[in-house]
């Protein structure tokens, strides 16, 4: 064990340890999903009330950033629960309420934009799920359908 110990503790080992420390300091951990992204549905719905203008959460986070920072299955699950509840609530109203349809479209557009700029397939899975939820019943009126499309465009551009 003598030669091995010298290799680890000798000048070369010290240099290697220093290099690892320096490299460790240069790496950047990915940004976590902001806490506001997985907040309660009323907070998310309140933020979406600003659509079609740019929607930001209480801490200033855009919905697309929530999605682009998702890196793990846990992130996906947390966002899926939060955004899914909001999408479900809006979908229930959207056929008869163009404002709800607009907000639903905005959410789907913003999630899609975040997934497109994200770094993983996890975000794409979330976008597909929200897009599935952002469909209107076949008996939805023309006003609701137009509002949904308008929301999709707004969310994709400023979400």
N, C-alpha and C. Protein backbone atom coordinates (compact mmCIF):
# COMPACT_ATOMS: atom_id res chain seq x y z
N UNK A 1 0.82 -1.19 0.00
CA UNK A 1 0.00 0.00 0.00
C UNK A 1 0.86 1.25 0.00
N UNK A 2 2.14 1.13 0.29
CA UNK A 2 3.05 2.27 0.32
C UNK A 2 3.09 3.07 -0.97
N UNK A 3 3.36 2.43 -2.16
CA UNK A 3 3.43 3.21 -3.39
C UNK A 3 2.08 3.84 -3.75
N UNK A 4 1.00 3.13 -3.48
CA UNK A 4 -0.32 3.67 -3.79
C UNK A 4 -0.60 4.90 -2.92
N UNK A 5 -0.24 4.79 -1.66
CA UNK A 5 -0.47 5.91 -0.76
C UNK A 5 0.34 7.12 -1.19
N UNK A 6 1.58 6.91 -1.62
CA UNK A 6 2.42 8.02 -2.09
C UNK A 6 1.83 8.66 -3.33
N UNK A 7 1.20 7.86 -4.20
CA UNK A 7 0.61 8.41 -5.42
C UNK A 7 -0.57 9.30 -5.09
N UNK A 8 -1.30 8.95 -4.04
CA UNK A 8 -2.47 9.73 -3.67
C UNK A 8 -2.08 10.95 -2.86
N UNK A 9 -1.07 10.80 -2.01
CA UNK A 9 -0.72 11.90 -1.11
C UNK A 9 0.50 12.67 -1.56
N UNK A 10 1.22 12.18 -2.55
CA UNK A 10 2.41 12.87 -3.04
C UNK A 10 2.04 14.10 -3.85
N UNK A 11 3.06 14.72 -4.47
CA UNK A 11 2.83 15.94 -5.25
C UNK A 11 1.81 15.73 -6.38
N UNK A 12 1.85 14.62 -7.06
CA UNK A 12 0.91 14.36 -8.16
C UNK A 12 -0.51 14.23 -7.61
N UNK A 13 -0.65 13.55 -6.47
CA UNK A 13 -1.96 13.40 -5.86
C UNK A 13 -2.53 14.74 -5.41
N UNK A 14 -1.68 15.58 -4.88
CA UNK A 14 -2.12 16.91 -4.45
C UNK A 14 -2.57 17.74 -5.65
N UNK A 15 -1.82 17.63 -6.74
CA UNK A 15 -2.21 18.35 -7.96
C UNK A 15 -3.54 17.85 -8.50
N UNK A 16 -3.72 16.54 -8.48
CA UNK A 16 -4.97 15.97 -8.97
C UNK A 16 -6.14 16.42 -8.09
N UNK A 17 -5.93 16.42 -6.79
CA UNK A 17 -6.99 16.86 -5.88
C UNK A 17 -7.33 18.33 -6.11
N UNK A 18 -6.31 19.17 -6.32
CA UNK A 18 -6.53 20.58 -6.59
C UNK A 18 -7.30 20.77 -7.90
N UNK A 19 -6.93 20.00 -8.92
CA UNK A 19 -7.63 20.09 -10.20
C UNK A 19 -9.10 19.71 -10.05
N UNK A 20 -9.37 18.65 -9.29
CA UNK A 20 -10.76 18.25 -9.07
C UNK A 20 -11.54 19.33 -8.33
N UNK A 21 -10.92 19.96 -7.35
CA UNK A 21 -11.59 21.03 -6.62
C UNK A 21 -11.90 22.21 -7.53
N UNK A 22 -10.93 22.58 -8.37
CA UNK A 22 -11.15 23.70 -9.28
C UNK A 22 -12.24 23.38 -10.29
N UNK A 23 -12.21 22.18 -10.84
CA UNK A 23 -13.24 21.79 -11.79
C UNK A 23 -14.60 21.74 -11.13
N UNK A 24 -14.64 21.26 -9.91
CA UNK A 24 -15.90 21.21 -9.19
C UNK A 24 -16.48 22.60 -8.98
N UNK A 25 -15.64 23.58 -8.78
CA UNK A 25 -16.10 24.94 -8.60
C UNK A 25 -16.59 25.57 -9.90
N UNK A 26 -16.16 25.04 -11.04
CA UNK A 26 -16.54 25.59 -12.33
C UNK A 26 -17.85 25.02 -12.86
N UNK A 27 -18.26 23.90 -12.33
CA UNK A 27 -19.50 23.32 -12.84
C UNK A 27 -20.67 24.05 -12.22
N UNK A 28 -21.73 24.14 -12.97
CA UNK A 28 -22.92 24.86 -12.50
C UNK A 28 -24.06 23.87 -12.39
N UNK A 29 -24.65 23.83 -11.23
CA UNK A 29 -25.83 22.99 -11.04
C UNK A 29 -26.97 23.60 -11.82
N UNK A 30 -27.82 22.77 -12.42
CA UNK A 30 -28.97 23.34 -13.13
C UNK A 30 -29.91 24.03 -12.15
N UNK A 31 -30.55 25.09 -12.65
CA UNK A 31 -31.51 25.80 -11.82
C UNK A 31 -32.64 24.86 -11.43
N UNK A 32 -33.05 24.90 -10.17
CA UNK A 32 -34.19 24.07 -9.77
C UNK A 32 -35.49 24.69 -10.28
N UNK A 33 -36.54 23.89 -10.31
CA UNK A 33 -37.85 24.41 -10.67
C UNK A 33 -38.27 25.38 -9.56
N UNK A 34 -38.59 26.62 -9.92
CA UNK A 34 -38.99 27.59 -8.89
C UNK A 34 -40.21 27.11 -8.11
N UNK A 35 -40.22 27.39 -6.83
CA UNK A 35 -41.30 26.93 -5.96
C UNK A 35 -42.66 27.46 -6.39
N UNK A 36 -42.71 28.66 -6.94
CA UNK A 36 -43.99 29.23 -7.37
C UNK A 36 -44.64 28.41 -8.49
N UNK A 37 -43.82 27.66 -9.23
CA UNK A 37 -44.33 26.86 -10.35
C UNK A 37 -45.23 25.71 -9.88
N UNK A 38 -44.99 25.24 -8.71
CA UNK A 38 -45.76 24.10 -8.21
C UNK A 38 -46.67 24.53 -7.07
N UNK A 39 -47.09 25.78 -7.13
CA UNK A 39 -47.97 26.32 -6.12
C UNK A 39 -49.39 25.79 -6.26
N UNK A 40 -50.23 26.30 -5.42
CA UNK A 40 -51.63 25.89 -5.42
C UNK A 40 -52.34 26.44 -6.66
N UNK A 41 -53.32 25.70 -7.17
CA UNK A 41 -54.04 26.15 -8.37
C UNK A 41 -54.59 27.58 -8.29
N UNK A 42 -55.12 28.05 -7.15
CA UNK A 42 -55.61 29.43 -7.14
C UNK A 42 -54.53 30.46 -7.50
N UNK A 43 -53.31 30.23 -7.05
CA UNK A 43 -52.22 31.17 -7.37
C UNK A 43 -51.89 31.12 -8.86
N UNK A 44 -51.87 29.91 -9.42
CA UNK A 44 -51.59 29.78 -10.85
C UNK A 44 -52.72 30.37 -11.68
N UNK A 45 -53.96 30.14 -11.26
CA UNK A 45 -55.10 30.70 -11.97
C UNK A 45 -55.10 32.24 -11.89
N UNK A 46 -54.72 32.78 -10.75
CA UNK A 46 -54.65 34.23 -10.61
C UNK A 46 -53.62 34.82 -11.57
N UNK A 47 -52.49 34.16 -11.71
CA UNK A 47 -51.47 34.63 -12.64
C UNK A 47 -51.98 34.57 -14.08
N UNK A 48 -52.69 33.50 -14.41
CA UNK A 48 -53.21 33.34 -15.77
C UNK A 48 -54.30 34.36 -16.10
N UNK A 49 -54.84 35.02 -15.12
CA UNK A 49 -55.85 36.05 -15.37
C UNK A 49 -55.28 37.20 -16.20
N UNK A 50 -53.97 37.34 -16.25
CA UNK A 50 -53.33 38.40 -17.03
C UNK A 50 -53.23 38.08 -18.51
N UNK A 51 -53.47 36.83 -18.89
CA UNK A 51 -53.38 36.44 -20.30
C UNK A 51 -54.42 37.21 -21.09
N UNK A 52 -54.12 37.63 -22.26
CA UNK A 52 -53.01 37.25 -23.13
C UNK A 52 -51.73 38.05 -22.92
N UNK A 53 -51.73 39.00 -21.97
CA UNK A 53 -50.47 39.68 -21.65
C UNK A 53 -49.54 38.66 -21.01
N UNK A 54 -48.27 39.02 -20.90
CA UNK A 54 -47.28 38.12 -20.31
C UNK A 54 -47.71 37.72 -18.90
N UNK A 55 -47.69 36.44 -18.64
CA UNK A 55 -48.08 35.89 -17.34
C UNK A 55 -46.82 35.54 -16.56
N UNK A 56 -46.73 36.09 -15.36
CA UNK A 56 -45.64 35.72 -14.46
C UNK A 56 -46.25 35.32 -13.12
N UNK A 57 -45.58 34.42 -12.46
CA UNK A 57 -46.03 33.97 -11.15
C UNK A 57 -45.63 34.99 -10.08
N UNK A 58 -46.02 34.75 -8.86
CA UNK A 58 -45.79 35.71 -7.77
C UNK A 58 -44.32 36.09 -7.62
N UNK A 59 -43.41 35.17 -7.93
CA UNK A 59 -41.98 35.47 -7.80
C UNK A 59 -41.36 36.01 -9.08
N UNK A 60 -42.18 36.27 -10.11
CA UNK A 60 -41.68 36.81 -11.37
C UNK A 60 -41.32 35.75 -12.41
N UNK A 61 -41.52 34.49 -12.09
CA UNK A 61 -41.18 33.40 -13.01
C UNK A 61 -42.22 33.27 -14.11
N UNK A 62 -41.76 33.13 -15.34
CA UNK A 62 -42.66 32.84 -16.46
C UNK A 62 -42.98 31.35 -16.45
N UNK A 63 -44.16 31.01 -16.94
CA UNK A 63 -44.56 29.60 -16.97
C UNK A 63 -43.60 28.76 -17.81
N UNK A 64 -43.11 29.30 -18.89
CA UNK A 64 -42.18 28.55 -19.74
C UNK A 64 -40.89 28.20 -18.98
N UNK A 65 -40.46 29.08 -18.08
CA UNK A 65 -39.25 28.79 -17.29
C UNK A 65 -39.50 27.63 -16.32
N UNK A 66 -40.72 27.55 -15.82
CA UNK A 66 -41.06 26.41 -14.95
C UNK A 66 -40.75 25.11 -15.67
N UNK A 67 -41.13 25.06 -16.93
CA UNK A 67 -40.98 23.83 -17.71
C UNK A 67 -39.54 23.64 -18.17
N UNK A 68 -38.89 24.70 -18.58
CA UNK A 68 -37.52 24.54 -19.09
C UNK A 68 -36.53 24.12 -18.01
N UNK A 69 -36.88 24.33 -16.75
CA UNK A 69 -35.98 23.93 -15.67
C UNK A 69 -36.26 22.51 -15.16
N UNK A 70 -37.31 21.87 -15.65
CA UNK A 70 -37.63 20.51 -15.21
C UNK A 70 -36.54 19.56 -15.68
N UNK A 71 -35.93 18.84 -14.75
CA UNK A 71 -34.83 17.94 -15.09
C UNK A 71 -35.06 16.49 -14.64
N UNK A 72 -35.95 16.31 -13.70
CA UNK A 72 -36.12 14.98 -13.12
C UNK A 72 -37.57 14.52 -13.23
N UNK A 73 -37.77 13.25 -12.99
CA UNK A 73 -39.13 12.73 -12.95
C UNK A 73 -39.95 13.42 -11.87
N UNK A 74 -39.31 13.75 -10.74
CA UNK A 74 -40.00 14.44 -9.66
C UNK A 74 -40.45 15.83 -10.09
N UNK A 75 -39.58 16.54 -10.85
CA UNK A 75 -39.96 17.84 -11.39
C UNK A 75 -41.19 17.70 -12.28
N UNK A 76 -41.13 16.73 -13.17
CA UNK A 76 -42.24 16.49 -14.10
C UNK A 76 -43.52 16.18 -13.34
N UNK A 77 -43.42 15.35 -12.35
CA UNK A 77 -44.60 14.97 -11.58
C UNK A 77 -45.19 16.18 -10.85
N UNK A 78 -44.34 16.99 -10.23
CA UNK A 78 -44.82 18.17 -9.50
C UNK A 78 -45.48 19.17 -10.44
N UNK A 79 -44.84 19.44 -11.57
CA UNK A 79 -45.42 20.37 -12.54
C UNK A 79 -46.68 19.79 -13.16
N UNK A 80 -46.65 18.49 -13.43
CA UNK A 80 -47.82 17.84 -14.01
C UNK A 80 -49.03 17.94 -13.10
N UNK A 81 -48.82 17.77 -11.82
CA UNK A 81 -49.92 17.88 -10.87
C UNK A 81 -50.44 19.31 -10.82
N UNK A 82 -49.53 20.26 -10.65
CA UNK A 82 -49.94 21.67 -10.53
C UNK A 82 -50.60 22.16 -11.81
N UNK A 83 -49.94 21.98 -12.94
CA UNK A 83 -50.48 22.47 -14.21
C UNK A 83 -51.70 21.66 -14.64
N UNK A 84 -51.71 20.38 -14.33
CA UNK A 84 -52.86 19.54 -14.69
C UNK A 84 -54.12 19.98 -13.96
N UNK A 85 -54.00 20.32 -12.69
CA UNK A 85 -55.17 20.80 -11.94
C UNK A 85 -55.71 22.09 -12.52
N UNK A 86 -54.80 22.97 -12.89
CA UNK A 86 -55.20 24.25 -13.47
C UNK A 86 -55.86 24.02 -14.83
N UNK A 87 -55.25 23.18 -15.66
CA UNK A 87 -55.80 22.89 -16.98
C UNK A 87 -57.18 22.24 -16.86
N UNK A 88 -57.33 21.33 -15.92
CA UNK A 88 -58.65 20.69 -15.71
C UNK A 88 -59.70 21.71 -15.31
N UNK A 89 -59.36 22.61 -14.40
CA UNK A 89 -60.31 23.62 -13.95
C UNK A 89 -60.71 24.54 -15.10
N UNK A 90 -59.75 24.94 -15.89
CA UNK A 90 -60.04 25.82 -17.03
C UNK A 90 -60.82 25.11 -18.11
N UNK A 91 -60.50 23.85 -18.33
CA UNK A 91 -61.18 23.08 -19.37
C UNK A 91 -62.66 22.93 -19.06
N UNK A 92 -63.00 22.77 -17.81
CA UNK A 92 -64.40 22.63 -17.41
C UNK A 92 -65.22 23.87 -17.79
N UNK A 93 -64.58 25.02 -17.77
CA UNK A 93 -65.27 26.28 -18.06
C UNK A 93 -65.11 26.73 -19.51
N UNK A 94 -64.10 26.22 -20.19
CA UNK A 94 -63.67 26.77 -21.48
C UNK A 94 -64.73 26.71 -22.58
N UNK A 95 -65.55 25.68 -22.63
CA UNK A 95 -66.52 25.57 -23.72
C UNK A 95 -67.53 26.71 -23.70
N UNK A 96 -67.85 27.19 -22.51
CA UNK A 96 -68.85 28.25 -22.40
C UNK A 96 -68.27 29.58 -21.97
N UNK A 97 -66.97 29.63 -21.70
CA UNK A 97 -66.32 30.85 -21.21
C UNK A 97 -65.05 31.11 -22.02
N UNK A 98 -65.12 32.01 -23.00
CA UNK A 98 -63.93 32.28 -23.82
C UNK A 98 -62.72 32.75 -23.01
N UNK A 99 -62.93 33.43 -21.89
CA UNK A 99 -61.79 33.86 -21.06
C UNK A 99 -61.05 32.65 -20.49
N UNK A 100 -61.80 31.64 -20.06
CA UNK A 100 -61.16 30.41 -19.56
C UNK A 100 -60.45 29.68 -20.70
N UNK A 101 -61.05 29.69 -21.88
CA UNK A 101 -60.41 29.05 -23.04
C UNK A 101 -59.10 29.75 -23.38
N UNK A 102 -59.09 31.08 -23.30
CA UNK A 102 -57.88 31.85 -23.56
C UNK A 102 -56.79 31.49 -22.55
N UNK A 103 -57.15 31.41 -21.29
CA UNK A 103 -56.17 31.06 -20.24
C UNK A 103 -55.65 29.64 -20.42
N UNK A 104 -56.54 28.74 -20.79
CA UNK A 104 -56.13 27.35 -21.04
C UNK A 104 -55.15 27.29 -22.21
N UNK A 105 -55.46 28.01 -23.27
CA UNK A 105 -54.55 28.06 -24.40
C UNK A 105 -53.22 28.67 -24.03
N UNK A 106 -53.26 29.73 -23.23
CA UNK A 106 -52.02 30.37 -22.79
C UNK A 106 -51.15 29.38 -22.03
N UNK A 107 -51.75 28.66 -21.11
CA UNK A 107 -51.00 27.67 -20.34
C UNK A 107 -50.35 26.65 -21.26
N UNK A 108 -51.11 26.12 -22.19
CA UNK A 108 -50.57 25.11 -23.11
C UNK A 108 -49.46 25.70 -23.98
N UNK A 109 -49.64 26.92 -24.46
CA UNK A 109 -48.62 27.57 -25.28
C UNK A 109 -47.34 27.82 -24.51
N UNK A 110 -47.48 28.27 -23.27
CA UNK A 110 -46.30 28.55 -22.44
C UNK A 110 -45.55 27.25 -22.10
N UNK A 111 -46.30 26.21 -21.79
CA UNK A 111 -45.67 24.92 -21.48
C UNK A 111 -44.93 24.41 -22.71
N UNK A 112 -45.54 24.54 -23.87
CA UNK A 112 -44.89 24.10 -25.11
C UNK A 112 -43.60 24.90 -25.36
N UNK A 113 -43.66 26.22 -25.16
CA UNK A 113 -42.47 27.05 -25.35
C UNK A 113 -41.37 26.65 -24.38
N UNK A 114 -41.72 26.38 -23.14
CA UNK A 114 -40.72 25.97 -22.16
C UNK A 114 -40.11 24.62 -22.50
N UNK A 115 -40.94 23.71 -23.01
CA UNK A 115 -40.43 22.39 -23.39
C UNK A 115 -39.49 22.49 -24.58
N UNK A 116 -39.81 23.39 -25.50
CA UNK A 116 -38.97 23.56 -26.69
C UNK A 116 -37.59 24.10 -26.33
N UNK A 117 -37.51 24.90 -25.27
CA UNK A 117 -36.22 25.45 -24.86
C UNK A 117 -35.59 24.66 -23.73
N UNK A 118 -36.26 23.62 -23.26
CA UNK A 118 -35.74 22.81 -22.16
C UNK A 118 -34.59 21.92 -22.59
N UNK A 119 -34.04 21.24 -21.64
CA UNK A 119 -32.87 20.42 -21.89
C UNK A 119 -33.15 18.93 -21.75
N UNK A 120 -34.42 18.56 -21.76
CA UNK A 120 -34.69 17.14 -21.56
C UNK A 120 -36.02 16.76 -22.19
N UNK A 121 -36.16 15.48 -22.42
CA UNK A 121 -37.41 14.95 -22.93
C UNK A 121 -38.50 14.99 -21.87
N UNK A 122 -38.12 15.16 -20.63
CA UNK A 122 -39.09 15.23 -19.54
C UNK A 122 -40.05 16.39 -19.79
N UNK A 123 -39.51 17.52 -20.18
CA UNK A 123 -40.35 18.69 -20.44
C UNK A 123 -41.30 18.44 -21.61
N UNK A 124 -40.85 17.71 -22.60
CA UNK A 124 -41.71 17.40 -23.75
C UNK A 124 -42.89 16.53 -23.34
N UNK A 125 -42.66 15.63 -22.40
CA UNK A 125 -43.76 14.80 -21.90
C UNK A 125 -44.82 15.66 -21.20
N UNK A 126 -44.37 16.61 -20.44
CA UNK A 126 -45.30 17.52 -19.76
C UNK A 126 -46.08 18.33 -20.79
N UNK A 127 -45.40 18.83 -21.81
CA UNK A 127 -46.07 19.62 -22.85
C UNK A 127 -47.14 18.81 -23.54
N UNK A 128 -46.85 17.55 -23.85
CA UNK A 128 -47.85 16.69 -24.49
C UNK A 128 -49.07 16.51 -23.60
N UNK A 129 -48.85 16.33 -22.32
CA UNK A 129 -49.95 16.13 -21.38
C UNK A 129 -50.84 17.38 -21.29
N UNK A 130 -50.23 18.54 -21.18
CA UNK A 130 -51.00 19.77 -21.08
C UNK A 130 -51.73 20.04 -22.39
N UNK A 131 -51.09 19.75 -23.52
CA UNK A 131 -51.76 19.92 -24.82
C UNK A 131 -52.99 19.02 -24.91
N UNK A 132 -52.90 17.82 -24.37
CA UNK A 132 -54.06 16.92 -24.36
C UNK A 132 -55.19 17.51 -23.53
N UNK A 133 -54.84 18.13 -22.43
CA UNK A 133 -55.85 18.74 -21.57
C UNK A 133 -56.43 20.01 -22.17
N UNK A 134 -55.69 20.65 -23.05
CA UNK A 134 -56.11 21.92 -23.64
C UNK A 134 -56.91 21.71 -24.92
N UNK A 135 -57.85 20.82 -24.85
CA UNK A 135 -58.77 20.62 -25.97
C UNK A 135 -60.17 20.96 -25.49
N UNK A 136 -60.95 21.47 -26.41
CA UNK A 136 -62.31 21.85 -26.07
C UNK A 136 -63.28 20.75 -26.49
N UNK A 137 -64.39 20.73 -25.82
CA UNK A 137 -65.46 19.79 -26.19
C UNK A 137 -65.93 20.14 -27.60
N UNK A 138 -66.46 19.15 -28.28
CA UNK A 138 -66.89 19.37 -29.67
C UNK A 138 -68.01 20.40 -29.77
N UNK A 139 -68.75 20.58 -28.71
CA UNK A 139 -69.84 21.56 -28.75
C UNK A 139 -69.40 22.96 -28.32
N UNK A 140 -68.10 23.17 -28.19
CA UNK A 140 -67.60 24.49 -27.82
C UNK A 140 -67.90 25.47 -28.95
N UNK A 141 -68.25 26.65 -28.58
CA UNK A 141 -68.58 27.67 -29.56
C UNK A 141 -67.37 28.22 -30.28
N UNK A 142 -67.65 28.96 -31.33
CA UNK A 142 -66.59 29.58 -32.13
C UNK A 142 -65.77 30.56 -31.31
N UNK A 143 -66.42 31.27 -30.39
CA UNK A 143 -65.70 32.24 -29.56
C UNK A 143 -64.68 31.54 -28.66
N UNK A 144 -65.06 30.41 -28.08
CA UNK A 144 -64.15 29.67 -27.22
C UNK A 144 -62.99 29.10 -28.03
N UNK A 145 -63.29 28.59 -29.22
CA UNK A 145 -62.24 28.02 -30.08
C UNK A 145 -61.25 29.10 -30.49
N UNK A 146 -61.76 30.27 -30.87
CA UNK A 146 -60.87 31.38 -31.25
C UNK A 146 -60.04 31.84 -30.05
N UNK A 147 -60.65 31.89 -28.88
CA UNK A 147 -59.93 32.31 -27.68
C UNK A 147 -58.83 31.32 -27.32
N UNK A 148 -59.11 30.03 -27.46
CA UNK A 148 -58.09 29.02 -27.19
C UNK A 148 -56.89 29.22 -28.11
N UNK A 149 -57.16 29.42 -29.40
CA UNK A 149 -56.06 29.64 -30.36
C UNK A 149 -55.27 30.90 -30.02
N UNK A 150 -55.98 31.95 -29.67
CA UNK A 150 -55.32 33.20 -29.29
C UNK A 150 -54.43 32.99 -28.07
N UNK A 151 -54.94 32.25 -27.10
CA UNK A 151 -54.15 31.95 -25.92
C UNK A 151 -52.92 31.11 -26.24
N UNK A 152 -53.07 30.13 -27.12
CA UNK A 152 -51.92 29.30 -27.53
C UNK A 152 -50.82 30.18 -28.12
N UNK A 153 -51.20 31.09 -29.00
CA UNK A 153 -50.19 31.99 -29.63
C UNK A 153 -49.54 32.89 -28.59
N UNK A 154 -50.36 33.45 -27.70
CA UNK A 154 -49.81 34.36 -26.68
C UNK A 154 -48.88 33.62 -25.72
N UNK A 155 -49.30 32.43 -25.30
CA UNK A 155 -48.46 31.65 -24.38
C UNK A 155 -47.15 31.24 -25.02
N UNK A 156 -47.21 30.88 -26.30
CA UNK A 156 -45.99 30.48 -27.01
C UNK A 156 -45.01 31.65 -27.17
N UNK A 157 -45.55 32.86 -27.30
CA UNK A 157 -44.65 34.00 -27.53
C UNK A 157 -44.22 34.71 -26.25
N UNK A 158 -45.07 34.75 -25.23
CA UNK A 158 -44.68 35.50 -24.03
C UNK A 158 -44.78 34.70 -22.74
N UNK A 159 -45.12 33.41 -22.86
CA UNK A 159 -45.33 32.60 -21.68
C UNK A 159 -44.07 32.23 -21.00
